[in-house]
N, C-alpha and C. Protein backbone atom coordinates (compact mmCIF):
# COMPACT_ATOMS: atom_id res chain seq x y z
N MET A 1 -45.89 4.16 -41.07
CA MET A 1 -46.24 2.50 -40.28
C MET A 1 -47.33 2.06 -41.59
N ASP A 2 -46.77 0.84 -42.37
CA ASP A 2 -47.82 0.24 -43.33
C ASP A 2 -48.14 -0.95 -42.47
N ASP A 3 -49.94 -1.05 -42.81
CA ASP A 3 -50.48 -1.86 -42.09
C ASP A 3 -50.15 -2.90 -42.38
N PHE A 4 -49.95 -2.78 -43.68
CA PHE A 4 -49.86 -5.08 -44.21
C PHE A 4 -48.27 -5.48 -43.51
N GLY A 5 -48.44 -6.50 -43.49
CA GLY A 5 -47.45 -7.31 -42.39
C GLY A 5 -46.18 -7.85 -43.38
N VAL A 6 -45.32 -7.79 -43.40
CA VAL A 6 -44.18 -8.14 -44.11
C VAL A 6 -43.44 -9.34 -43.48
N VAL A 7 -42.42 -9.88 -44.18
CA VAL A 7 -41.77 -11.56 -44.45
C VAL A 7 -40.70 -10.94 -43.87
N THR A 8 -40.07 -11.41 -42.60
CA THR A 8 -38.96 -10.75 -42.38
C THR A 8 -37.43 -11.67 -42.58
N GLU A 9 -38.83 -13.22 -42.63
CA GLU A 9 -37.25 -14.32 -43.31
C GLU A 9 -38.27 -15.65 -43.67
N PRO A 10 -37.60 -16.49 -44.82
CA PRO A 10 -38.78 -17.12 -44.72
C PRO A 10 -39.49 -18.03 -43.61
N GLY A 11 -40.79 -17.74 -43.65
CA GLY A 11 -41.78 -18.47 -42.46
C GLY A 11 -41.76 -17.21 -41.40
N THR A 12 -41.64 -16.15 -41.21
CA THR A 12 -41.84 -15.30 -40.39
C THR A 12 -42.72 -14.27 -41.20
N LEU A 13 -43.54 -14.00 -40.34
CA LEU A 13 -44.91 -12.40 -40.81
C LEU A 13 -44.14 -11.57 -39.43
N ARG A 14 -44.05 -10.09 -39.55
CA ARG A 14 -44.11 -9.34 -38.76
C ARG A 14 -45.50 -8.17 -39.48
N MET A 15 -45.49 -7.61 -38.39
CA MET A 15 -46.92 -6.97 -38.39
C MET A 15 -46.70 -5.73 -37.31
N ASP A 16 -47.01 -4.66 -37.57
CA ASP A 16 -46.73 -3.53 -36.89
C ASP A 16 -48.27 -2.00 -37.09
N ARG A 17 -48.27 -2.22 -35.63
CA ARG A 17 -49.35 -1.29 -35.67
C ARG A 17 -49.68 -0.51 -34.87
N LEU A 18 -50.07 0.76 -34.88
CA LEU A 18 -50.23 1.57 -33.81
C LEU A 18 -51.69 1.85 -32.95
N LEU A 19 -51.92 1.44 -31.86
CA LEU A 19 -53.48 1.67 -31.07
C LEU A 19 -53.57 2.34 -29.93
N PRO A 20 -54.55 2.77 -29.88
CA PRO A 20 -55.07 3.93 -28.45
C PRO A 20 -54.75 2.97 -27.11
N GLY A 21 -53.87 3.84 -26.13
CA GLY A 21 -53.55 2.91 -25.30
C GLY A 21 -54.54 3.08 -24.06
N PRO A 22 -54.36 3.22 -22.67
CA PRO A 22 -52.63 2.63 -21.91
C PRO A 22 -52.49 1.72 -22.72
N ILE A 23 -51.54 0.98 -22.43
CA ILE A 23 -50.17 -0.40 -22.57
C ILE A 23 -51.70 -0.96 -21.66
N GLU A 24 -51.81 -0.55 -20.54
CA GLU A 24 -52.77 -1.96 -19.72
C GLU A 24 -53.70 -2.47 -20.31
N ARG A 25 -54.50 -1.19 -21.10
CA ARG A 25 -55.59 -1.70 -21.75
C ARG A 25 -55.48 -2.25 -22.55
N VAL A 26 -54.93 -2.28 -23.97
CA VAL A 26 -54.04 -3.51 -25.13
C VAL A 26 -53.75 -4.49 -24.61
N TRP A 27 -52.86 -4.57 -23.71
CA TRP A 27 -52.59 -5.84 -22.63
C TRP A 27 -53.90 -6.71 -22.31
N SER A 28 -54.54 -6.15 -21.63
CA SER A 28 -55.77 -6.79 -21.30
C SER A 28 -56.83 -7.17 -22.65
N TYR A 29 -56.50 -6.79 -23.71
CA TYR A 29 -56.91 -7.83 -24.93
C TYR A 29 -56.28 -8.90 -25.08
N LEU A 30 -55.26 -8.88 -25.05
CA LEU A 30 -54.11 -10.02 -25.41
C LEU A 30 -54.78 -10.90 -24.41
N THR A 31 -54.38 -10.52 -23.18
CA THR A 31 -54.85 -11.80 -21.71
C THR A 31 -56.00 -12.37 -21.44
N ASP A 32 -56.85 -11.29 -21.53
CA ASP A 32 -58.21 -11.38 -20.78
C ASP A 32 -59.29 -11.99 -22.16
N SER A 33 -59.63 -12.98 -21.18
CA SER A 33 -60.69 -14.38 -22.51
C SER A 33 -61.95 -13.56 -23.07
N ASP A 34 -62.66 -12.63 -22.43
CA ASP A 34 -64.00 -11.89 -23.00
C ASP A 34 -63.12 -10.93 -23.58
N LYS A 35 -62.41 -10.08 -23.37
CA LYS A 35 -62.11 -8.90 -24.31
C LYS A 35 -61.51 -9.50 -25.43
N ARG A 36 -60.50 -10.85 -25.30
CA ARG A 36 -59.91 -11.47 -26.57
C ARG A 36 -60.59 -11.75 -27.38
N ALA A 37 -61.72 -12.42 -26.97
CA ALA A 37 -62.72 -13.12 -27.62
C ALA A 37 -63.57 -12.24 -28.46
N ARG A 38 -63.30 -10.59 -28.74
CA ARG A 38 -64.16 -10.16 -29.44
C ARG A 38 -63.23 -9.77 -30.50
N TRP A 39 -62.34 -9.97 -30.36
CA TRP A 39 -61.25 -9.74 -31.87
C TRP A 39 -60.76 -11.11 -32.27
N LEU A 40 -60.48 -12.23 -31.56
CA LEU A 40 -59.53 -13.15 -31.98
C LEU A 40 -59.79 -14.15 -31.56
N ALA A 41 -59.76 -14.66 -30.18
CA ALA A 41 -60.72 -15.76 -30.16
C ALA A 41 -60.54 -16.08 -28.07
N ALA A 42 -62.04 -17.04 -28.03
CA ALA A 42 -61.81 -17.01 -26.23
C ALA A 42 -60.98 -18.12 -25.83
N GLY A 43 -60.81 -18.25 -24.51
CA GLY A 43 -60.19 -19.37 -24.01
C GLY A 43 -59.01 -18.79 -23.11
N PRO A 44 -58.98 -19.86 -22.07
CA PRO A 44 -57.88 -19.47 -20.78
C PRO A 44 -56.56 -19.32 -20.92
N MET A 45 -56.15 -18.82 -20.84
CA MET A 45 -54.19 -17.95 -20.80
C MET A 45 -53.79 -17.86 -19.47
N ASP A 46 -52.74 -18.95 -19.03
CA ASP A 46 -51.76 -19.36 -18.17
C ASP A 46 -50.73 -18.61 -18.08
N LEU A 47 -50.66 -17.06 -17.71
CA LEU A 47 -49.56 -16.35 -18.22
C LEU A 47 -48.31 -16.50 -17.13
N GLN A 48 -47.85 -17.71 -17.53
CA GLN A 48 -46.38 -17.56 -17.04
C GLN A 48 -45.74 -19.15 -17.59
N ILE A 49 -44.11 -19.01 -18.17
CA ILE A 49 -43.85 -19.96 -18.93
C ILE A 49 -43.99 -20.98 -19.21
N GLY A 50 -44.33 -21.94 -19.67
CA GLY A 50 -45.15 -23.09 -20.32
C GLY A 50 -46.70 -23.42 -19.47
N GLY A 51 -47.29 -21.97 -19.12
CA GLY A 51 -48.30 -22.00 -19.47
C GLY A 51 -49.29 -22.37 -20.51
N ARG A 52 -50.91 -22.96 -20.23
CA ARG A 52 -51.39 -23.14 -21.46
C ARG A 52 -52.11 -22.15 -22.11
N VAL A 53 -52.34 -22.70 -23.28
CA VAL A 53 -53.12 -21.46 -23.81
C VAL A 53 -53.80 -22.04 -24.86
N ASP A 54 -55.27 -21.76 -24.26
CA ASP A 54 -56.90 -22.62 -25.25
C ASP A 54 -57.47 -21.19 -25.70
N LEU A 55 -57.53 -21.13 -27.18
CA LEU A 55 -58.35 -20.57 -27.79
C LEU A 55 -59.64 -21.17 -29.22
N ALA A 56 -60.54 -20.48 -28.76
CA ALA A 56 -61.73 -21.15 -29.24
C ALA A 56 -62.05 -20.01 -29.92
N PHE A 57 -61.86 -20.20 -31.53
CA PHE A 57 -62.39 -19.18 -32.74
C PHE A 57 -63.35 -19.39 -33.08
N HIS A 58 -64.25 -17.99 -33.07
CA HIS A 58 -65.80 -18.00 -33.63
C HIS A 58 -65.55 -16.88 -34.47
N ASN A 59 -64.81 -17.00 -35.96
CA ASN A 59 -64.51 -15.89 -36.92
C ASN A 59 -65.57 -14.65 -37.38
N SER A 60 -66.70 -16.07 -37.82
CA SER A 60 -68.05 -14.91 -38.19
C SER A 60 -68.86 -14.36 -37.35
N LEU A 61 -68.11 -14.61 -35.61
CA LEU A 61 -69.28 -13.68 -34.86
C LEU A 61 -68.63 -12.18 -34.47
N LEU A 62 -67.29 -11.99 -34.92
CA LEU A 62 -66.68 -11.22 -34.36
C LEU A 62 -67.05 -10.13 -34.83
N SER A 63 -67.93 -9.72 -35.28
CA SER A 63 -68.48 -8.75 -36.30
C SER A 63 -70.44 -8.99 -36.00
N SER A 64 -70.68 -7.67 -35.60
CA SER A 64 -72.23 -7.60 -36.00
C SER A 64 -73.05 -7.91 -37.29
N LYS A 65 -71.92 -7.94 -38.59
CA LYS A 65 -72.30 -8.74 -40.00
C LYS A 65 -71.84 -10.10 -39.80
N VAL A 66 -72.40 -10.31 -39.67
CA VAL A 66 -72.26 -12.17 -39.68
C VAL A 66 -72.09 -12.72 -41.05
N GLU A 67 -71.17 -13.32 -41.32
CA GLU A 67 -71.31 -14.18 -42.54
C GLU A 67 -70.63 -15.16 -42.69
N GLU A 68 -70.80 -16.38 -43.58
CA GLU A 68 -70.36 -17.61 -43.86
C GLU A 68 -68.88 -17.27 -44.24
N PRO A 69 -67.96 -18.46 -44.02
CA PRO A 69 -66.78 -18.38 -44.05
C PRO A 69 -66.87 -19.40 -45.78
N PRO A 70 -66.14 -18.71 -46.83
CA PRO A 70 -65.60 -19.43 -47.69
C PRO A 70 -65.37 -21.02 -47.37
N GLU A 71 -65.86 -22.18 -48.63
CA GLU A 71 -65.77 -23.27 -48.49
C GLU A 71 -64.53 -23.81 -47.78
N HIS A 72 -63.32 -22.82 -48.47
CA HIS A 72 -62.04 -23.88 -47.97
C HIS A 72 -61.80 -23.32 -46.67
N TYR A 73 -62.77 -22.82 -45.81
CA TYR A 73 -62.67 -22.33 -44.38
C TYR A 73 -63.46 -22.81 -43.36
N ARG A 74 -64.24 -23.18 -44.14
CA ARG A 74 -65.67 -23.53 -43.32
C ARG A 74 -65.35 -24.39 -41.99
N ASN A 75 -64.21 -25.65 -41.98
CA ASN A 75 -63.80 -26.18 -40.48
C ASN A 75 -63.42 -25.03 -39.49
N ALA A 76 -62.67 -23.92 -39.72
CA ALA A 76 -62.25 -22.76 -39.25
C ALA A 76 -62.67 -22.28 -38.64
N ASP A 77 -63.61 -21.82 -38.89
CA ASP A 77 -64.71 -20.82 -38.30
C ASP A 77 -65.05 -21.62 -37.19
N CYS A 78 -65.36 -22.07 -36.72
CA CYS A 78 -65.33 -22.57 -35.09
C CYS A 78 -64.15 -23.58 -34.62
N SER A 79 -62.91 -23.28 -35.19
CA SER A 79 -61.86 -24.02 -34.19
C SER A 79 -61.05 -24.19 -33.44
N LYS A 80 -60.36 -24.90 -32.81
CA LYS A 80 -59.92 -24.63 -31.37
C LYS A 80 -58.65 -24.86 -31.42
N LEU A 81 -57.49 -24.50 -30.89
CA LEU A 81 -56.23 -24.05 -31.17
C LEU A 81 -55.56 -24.11 -29.57
N GLN A 82 -53.78 -24.99 -29.28
CA GLN A 82 -53.85 -25.25 -28.22
C GLN A 82 -52.36 -24.50 -28.22
N GLY A 83 -51.86 -24.09 -27.05
CA GLY A 83 -50.34 -23.86 -27.49
C GLY A 83 -49.65 -23.55 -26.03
N ARG A 84 -48.61 -23.41 -25.44
CA ARG A 84 -48.25 -22.92 -24.21
C ARG A 84 -47.00 -21.62 -24.21
N VAL A 85 -47.46 -20.89 -23.35
CA VAL A 85 -46.40 -19.63 -23.09
C VAL A 85 -45.53 -19.93 -23.07
N THR A 86 -44.55 -18.80 -24.26
CA THR A 86 -42.97 -18.93 -23.83
C THR A 86 -42.15 -18.06 -23.24
N ARG A 87 -42.83 -16.27 -23.45
CA ARG A 87 -42.41 -15.46 -22.94
C ARG A 87 -43.74 -14.86 -22.44
N CYS A 88 -43.10 -14.26 -20.79
CA CYS A 88 -44.95 -13.88 -20.43
C CYS A 88 -43.82 -12.38 -19.66
N GLU A 89 -44.00 -11.25 -20.00
CA GLU A 89 -43.24 -9.95 -19.42
C GLU A 89 -44.36 -8.93 -19.62
N PRO A 90 -45.31 -9.38 -18.58
CA PRO A 90 -46.65 -7.85 -18.41
C PRO A 90 -45.84 -6.59 -18.44
N PRO A 91 -46.90 -4.97 -18.77
CA PRO A 91 -47.44 -5.71 -19.79
C PRO A 91 -47.09 -5.21 -21.03
N TYR A 92 -45.24 -5.47 -21.62
CA TYR A 92 -45.00 -5.82 -22.42
C TYR A 92 -44.74 -6.53 -23.64
N ARG A 93 -44.44 -7.64 -23.05
CA ARG A 93 -44.45 -8.90 -24.44
C ARG A 93 -45.13 -10.35 -23.84
N LEU A 94 -45.55 -10.72 -25.05
CA LEU A 94 -46.39 -12.33 -24.51
C LEU A 94 -46.22 -12.90 -25.74
N SER A 95 -45.52 -13.88 -25.99
CA SER A 95 -45.58 -14.91 -26.80
C SER A 95 -46.01 -16.29 -26.36
N PHE A 96 -46.49 -17.41 -27.20
CA PHE A 96 -46.92 -18.64 -27.40
C PHE A 96 -47.04 -19.15 -28.31
N THR A 97 -47.14 -20.88 -28.28
CA THR A 97 -46.94 -21.48 -29.55
C THR A 97 -48.19 -21.43 -30.55
N TRP A 98 -48.15 -21.29 -31.06
CA TRP A 98 -49.29 -21.47 -32.20
C TRP A 98 -49.63 -23.15 -32.56
N GLY A 99 -49.98 -24.44 -31.66
CA GLY A 99 -49.98 -25.50 -31.48
C GLY A 99 -49.12 -26.17 -30.76
N THR A 100 -49.32 -27.58 -30.74
CA THR A 100 -48.60 -27.79 -29.32
C THR A 100 -47.54 -29.18 -30.23
N GLY A 101 -47.76 -29.48 -31.72
CA GLY A 101 -46.76 -30.36 -32.20
C GLY A 101 -45.34 -29.96 -32.37
N ALA A 102 -44.54 -30.65 -33.12
CA ALA A 102 -43.49 -30.59 -33.62
C ALA A 102 -43.16 -29.34 -34.24
N ASP A 103 -44.18 -29.20 -35.11
CA ASP A 103 -44.24 -28.68 -36.72
C ASP A 103 -45.33 -26.82 -35.65
N ALA A 104 -45.34 -26.89 -34.34
CA ALA A 104 -46.51 -25.82 -33.97
C ALA A 104 -45.33 -24.22 -34.66
N SER A 105 -46.23 -23.38 -34.86
CA SER A 105 -45.41 -22.24 -35.25
C SER A 105 -45.52 -20.90 -33.80
N GLU A 106 -44.84 -19.86 -33.40
CA GLU A 106 -44.83 -18.77 -32.50
C GLU A 106 -45.53 -17.94 -32.94
N VAL A 107 -46.36 -16.81 -31.65
CA VAL A 107 -46.58 -15.82 -31.74
C VAL A 107 -46.45 -15.33 -30.43
N SER A 108 -45.38 -13.56 -31.50
CA SER A 108 -45.08 -12.84 -30.21
C SER A 108 -45.58 -11.71 -30.40
N PHE A 109 -46.33 -10.80 -29.25
CA PHE A 109 -46.98 -9.63 -29.16
C PHE A 109 -46.29 -8.94 -28.33
N ASP A 110 -45.00 -7.76 -28.73
CA ASP A 110 -44.31 -6.97 -28.18
C ASP A 110 -45.01 -5.37 -28.15
N LEU A 111 -45.49 -4.81 -27.22
CA LEU A 111 -46.14 -3.55 -26.54
C LEU A 111 -45.16 -2.65 -26.51
N SER A 112 -45.35 -1.31 -26.77
CA SER A 112 -44.24 -0.20 -26.36
C SER A 112 -44.99 1.00 -26.70
N GLU A 113 -44.86 1.95 -25.22
CA GLU A 113 -45.91 3.43 -25.55
C GLU A 113 -45.12 3.50 -26.34
N GLN A 114 -45.98 4.86 -27.28
CA GLN A 114 -45.67 6.11 -27.66
C GLN A 114 -46.44 6.95 -27.34
N GLY A 115 -46.52 7.84 -27.16
CA GLY A 115 -46.65 9.16 -26.29
C GLY A 115 -47.98 8.17 -25.35
N SER A 116 -49.42 8.72 -25.89
CA SER A 116 -50.99 7.67 -25.07
C SER A 116 -51.37 6.58 -26.14
N ASP A 117 -50.36 6.48 -27.20
CA ASP A 117 -50.60 5.52 -27.81
C ASP A 117 -49.67 3.86 -27.29
N VAL A 118 -50.12 3.16 -28.40
CA VAL A 118 -49.30 1.79 -27.91
C VAL A 118 -49.17 1.39 -29.26
N ARG A 119 -47.28 0.90 -29.99
CA ARG A 119 -47.41 -0.34 -30.82
C ARG A 119 -46.83 -1.43 -30.32
N LEU A 120 -47.81 -1.93 -31.26
CA LEU A 120 -48.13 -3.30 -31.50
C LEU A 120 -46.90 -3.60 -32.28
N VAL A 121 -46.04 -4.58 -32.07
CA VAL A 121 -45.16 -5.72 -32.68
C VAL A 121 -45.76 -6.85 -33.14
N LEU A 122 -46.65 -7.77 -34.04
CA LEU A 122 -47.00 -9.15 -33.99
C LEU A 122 -46.23 -10.00 -35.28
N THR A 123 -45.37 -10.75 -34.14
CA THR A 123 -44.37 -11.17 -35.11
C THR A 123 -45.03 -12.74 -35.09
N HIS A 124 -45.06 -13.60 -35.85
CA HIS A 124 -45.49 -14.88 -36.29
C HIS A 124 -44.95 -15.90 -36.45
N ARG A 125 -43.57 -16.61 -36.36
CA ARG A 125 -42.56 -17.47 -36.86
C ARG A 125 -42.88 -18.85 -36.77
N ARG A 126 -42.01 -19.21 -37.83
CA ARG A 126 -42.14 -20.57 -38.27
C ARG A 126 -43.57 -21.15 -38.89
N ILE A 127 -43.85 -20.41 -39.95
CA ILE A 127 -44.97 -20.74 -40.61
C ILE A 127 -44.90 -21.59 -41.88
N GLY A 128 -45.25 -22.50 -42.09
CA GLY A 128 -44.95 -23.77 -43.14
C GLY A 128 -45.17 -23.08 -44.94
N GLU A 129 -45.63 -23.87 -44.90
CA GLU A 129 -45.78 -22.99 -46.93
C GLU A 129 -46.66 -21.86 -47.17
N ARG A 130 -46.23 -21.46 -48.28
CA ARG A 130 -46.76 -20.25 -48.89
C ARG A 130 -48.89 -20.20 -48.61
N ARG A 131 -49.35 -21.42 -48.92
CA ARG A 131 -50.29 -21.09 -48.58
C ARG A 131 -50.99 -20.83 -47.21
N MET A 132 -50.12 -21.42 -46.42
CA MET A 132 -50.45 -21.18 -44.99
C MET A 132 -50.22 -19.80 -44.53
N LEU A 133 -49.24 -19.46 -45.28
CA LEU A 133 -48.10 -17.71 -44.71
C LEU A 133 -49.28 -16.93 -45.29
N LEU A 134 -50.08 -16.72 -46.82
CA LEU A 134 -51.11 -16.11 -47.04
C LEU A 134 -52.37 -15.73 -46.17
N SER A 135 -52.54 -17.25 -45.74
CA SER A 135 -53.85 -16.99 -44.44
C SER A 135 -53.80 -16.77 -43.23
N VAL A 136 -52.44 -17.15 -42.87
CA VAL A 136 -52.14 -16.29 -41.79
C VAL A 136 -51.66 -15.02 -41.78
N ALA A 137 -51.13 -14.37 -42.95
CA ALA A 137 -51.09 -12.61 -42.59
C ALA A 137 -52.60 -11.95 -42.51
N GLY A 138 -53.61 -12.99 -44.05
CA GLY A 138 -54.55 -12.45 -44.44
C GLY A 138 -55.74 -12.57 -42.76
N GLY A 139 -55.13 -13.68 -42.13
CA GLY A 139 -55.40 -13.45 -40.53
C GLY A 139 -55.28 -12.52 -39.56
N TRP A 140 -53.96 -12.39 -39.35
CA TRP A 140 -53.48 -11.52 -38.60
C TRP A 140 -54.19 -10.15 -38.73
N HIS A 141 -54.18 -9.97 -40.23
CA HIS A 141 -54.47 -8.47 -40.57
C HIS A 141 -55.78 -8.07 -40.51
N THR A 142 -56.55 -9.29 -40.62
CA THR A 142 -58.22 -9.12 -39.83
C THR A 142 -58.76 -9.15 -39.15
N HIS A 143 -58.17 -9.50 -38.32
CA HIS A 143 -58.20 -10.08 -35.94
C HIS A 143 -57.47 -8.79 -35.69
N VAL A 144 -56.49 -8.27 -35.83
CA VAL A 144 -55.63 -6.68 -36.02
C VAL A 144 -56.20 -5.58 -35.98
N GLY A 145 -56.74 -6.00 -37.41
CA GLY A 145 -57.99 -4.99 -37.29
C GLY A 145 -58.61 -4.80 -36.35
N ILE A 146 -60.00 -5.73 -36.27
CA ILE A 146 -60.71 -5.78 -35.54
C ILE A 146 -60.42 -5.48 -34.31
N LEU A 147 -59.35 -5.80 -33.73
CA LEU A 147 -58.77 -4.77 -32.71
C LEU A 147 -58.46 -3.87 -31.97
N VAL A 148 -58.50 -2.95 -33.34
CA VAL A 148 -58.09 -1.88 -33.56
C VAL A 148 -59.67 -1.05 -33.44
N ASP A 149 -60.52 -1.80 -34.27
CA ASP A 149 -61.79 -1.03 -34.39
C ASP A 149 -62.46 -1.35 -32.60
N ARG A 150 -62.28 -2.50 -32.42
CA ARG A 150 -62.82 -2.50 -30.66
C ARG A 150 -61.94 -1.34 -29.82
N LEU A 151 -60.93 -0.68 -29.88
CA LEU A 151 -59.86 -0.12 -29.02
C LEU A 151 -60.76 0.96 -29.64
N ASN A 152 -61.13 1.12 -30.69
CA ASN A 152 -61.66 2.77 -30.74
C ASN A 152 -62.91 3.12 -30.69
N GLY A 153 -63.77 2.06 -30.31
CA GLY A 153 -64.90 1.78 -30.37
C GLY A 153 -66.13 1.76 -31.44
N ARG A 154 -65.09 1.25 -32.33
CA ARG A 154 -66.38 1.18 -33.72
C ARG A 154 -66.53 -0.61 -34.47
N GLU A 155 -67.76 -0.30 -34.56
CA GLU A 155 -67.96 -1.92 -34.96
C GLU A 155 -67.20 -2.56 -36.28
N PRO A 156 -66.54 -3.13 -36.10
CA PRO A 156 -65.60 -3.86 -36.92
C PRO A 156 -66.55 -4.11 -38.26
N PRO A 157 -66.15 -4.14 -39.70
CA PRO A 157 -66.63 -5.12 -40.70
C PRO A 157 -66.65 -6.84 -40.73
N GLY A 158 -67.66 -7.45 -41.76
CA GLY A 158 -67.32 -8.73 -41.10
C GLY A 158 -65.66 -9.14 -41.59
N PHE A 159 -65.89 -10.63 -41.08
CA PHE A 159 -64.71 -11.18 -40.34
C PHE A 159 -64.40 -11.61 -42.32
N TRP A 160 -65.03 -12.42 -43.05
CA TRP A 160 -64.73 -13.48 -44.34
C TRP A 160 -64.66 -12.30 -45.36
N SER A 161 -65.79 -11.18 -45.08
CA SER A 161 -65.38 -10.60 -46.35
C SER A 161 -63.75 -9.74 -46.41
N THR A 162 -63.76 -9.72 -45.53
CA THR A 162 -62.22 -8.53 -44.69
C THR A 162 -60.98 -9.78 -45.06
N HIS A 163 -61.05 -10.55 -44.62
CA HIS A 163 -60.00 -11.57 -44.62
C HIS A 163 -59.99 -12.07 -46.20
N THR A 164 -61.05 -12.43 -46.86
CA THR A 164 -60.66 -12.91 -48.42
C THR A 164 -59.93 -11.49 -48.97
N ALA A 165 -60.94 -10.46 -48.53
CA ALA A 165 -59.65 -9.79 -49.76
C ALA A 165 -58.81 -9.50 -49.38
N LEU A 166 -57.96 -9.66 -47.78
CA LEU A 166 -57.41 -9.08 -47.60
C LEU A 166 -55.77 -10.41 -48.44
N GLU A 167 -56.44 -11.39 -47.63
CA GLU A 167 -55.59 -12.85 -48.13
C GLU A 167 -55.17 -12.86 -49.87
N ALA A 168 -56.02 -12.16 -50.72
CA ALA A 168 -55.97 -11.82 -51.72
C ALA A 168 -54.79 -11.36 -52.17
N GLU A 169 -54.94 -9.75 -51.37
CA GLU A 169 -53.63 -8.88 -51.52
C GLU A 169 -52.61 -9.29 -51.23
N TYR A 170 -52.51 -9.71 -50.21
CA TYR A 170 -50.89 -10.33 -49.70
C TYR A 170 -50.79 -11.54 -51.00
N GLY A 171 -51.47 -12.19 -50.81
CA GLY A 171 -51.16 -13.46 -52.47
C GLY A 171 -50.15 -12.32 -53.59
N ARG A 172 -50.62 -10.78 -53.70
CA ARG A 172 -49.86 -10.40 -54.45
C ARG A 172 -48.59 -9.86 -54.10
N ARG A 173 -48.31 -9.37 -52.99
CA ARG A 173 -47.89 -8.62 -52.31
C ARG A 173 -46.38 -9.52 -51.72
N LEU A 174 -46.52 -11.16 -51.26
CA LEU A 174 -45.38 -11.59 -50.72
C LEU A 174 -45.26 -13.10 -52.23
């Protein structure tokens, strides 16, 4: 399983990771605000179809190695996003819109048990232009890497240095 996400069709990024289980633990890191805040973003999530999702990102604080964001991400470091749950099948599937407008994309998390581990398939659909695709790919790769570190009891590296390197690598790969 390659850690790098792949474009499966225009505007769709897919990433596969193997995480330490059990599946209920991984599910809680997707749905519980306090746990999600440690790798992605805090905020309430109404776990029913049509339920509201509020995400508050503080990427610079996801590691004890606090870093300043690059200039072009200064406004994204402490940003908020709203969405709506489009699929919720605990503890196996969660999907929600990434935004609320007509141009909103959609993120899906599919979990399956693989012995004592959990396979995560993350799919982000309806991503716009190439610049956004590279940002999303680097972002998810960094966030999921932090999730892996948290689940394994390790301190993750700084968010922005990791994201910057991964975004550049995705620029070469995609």
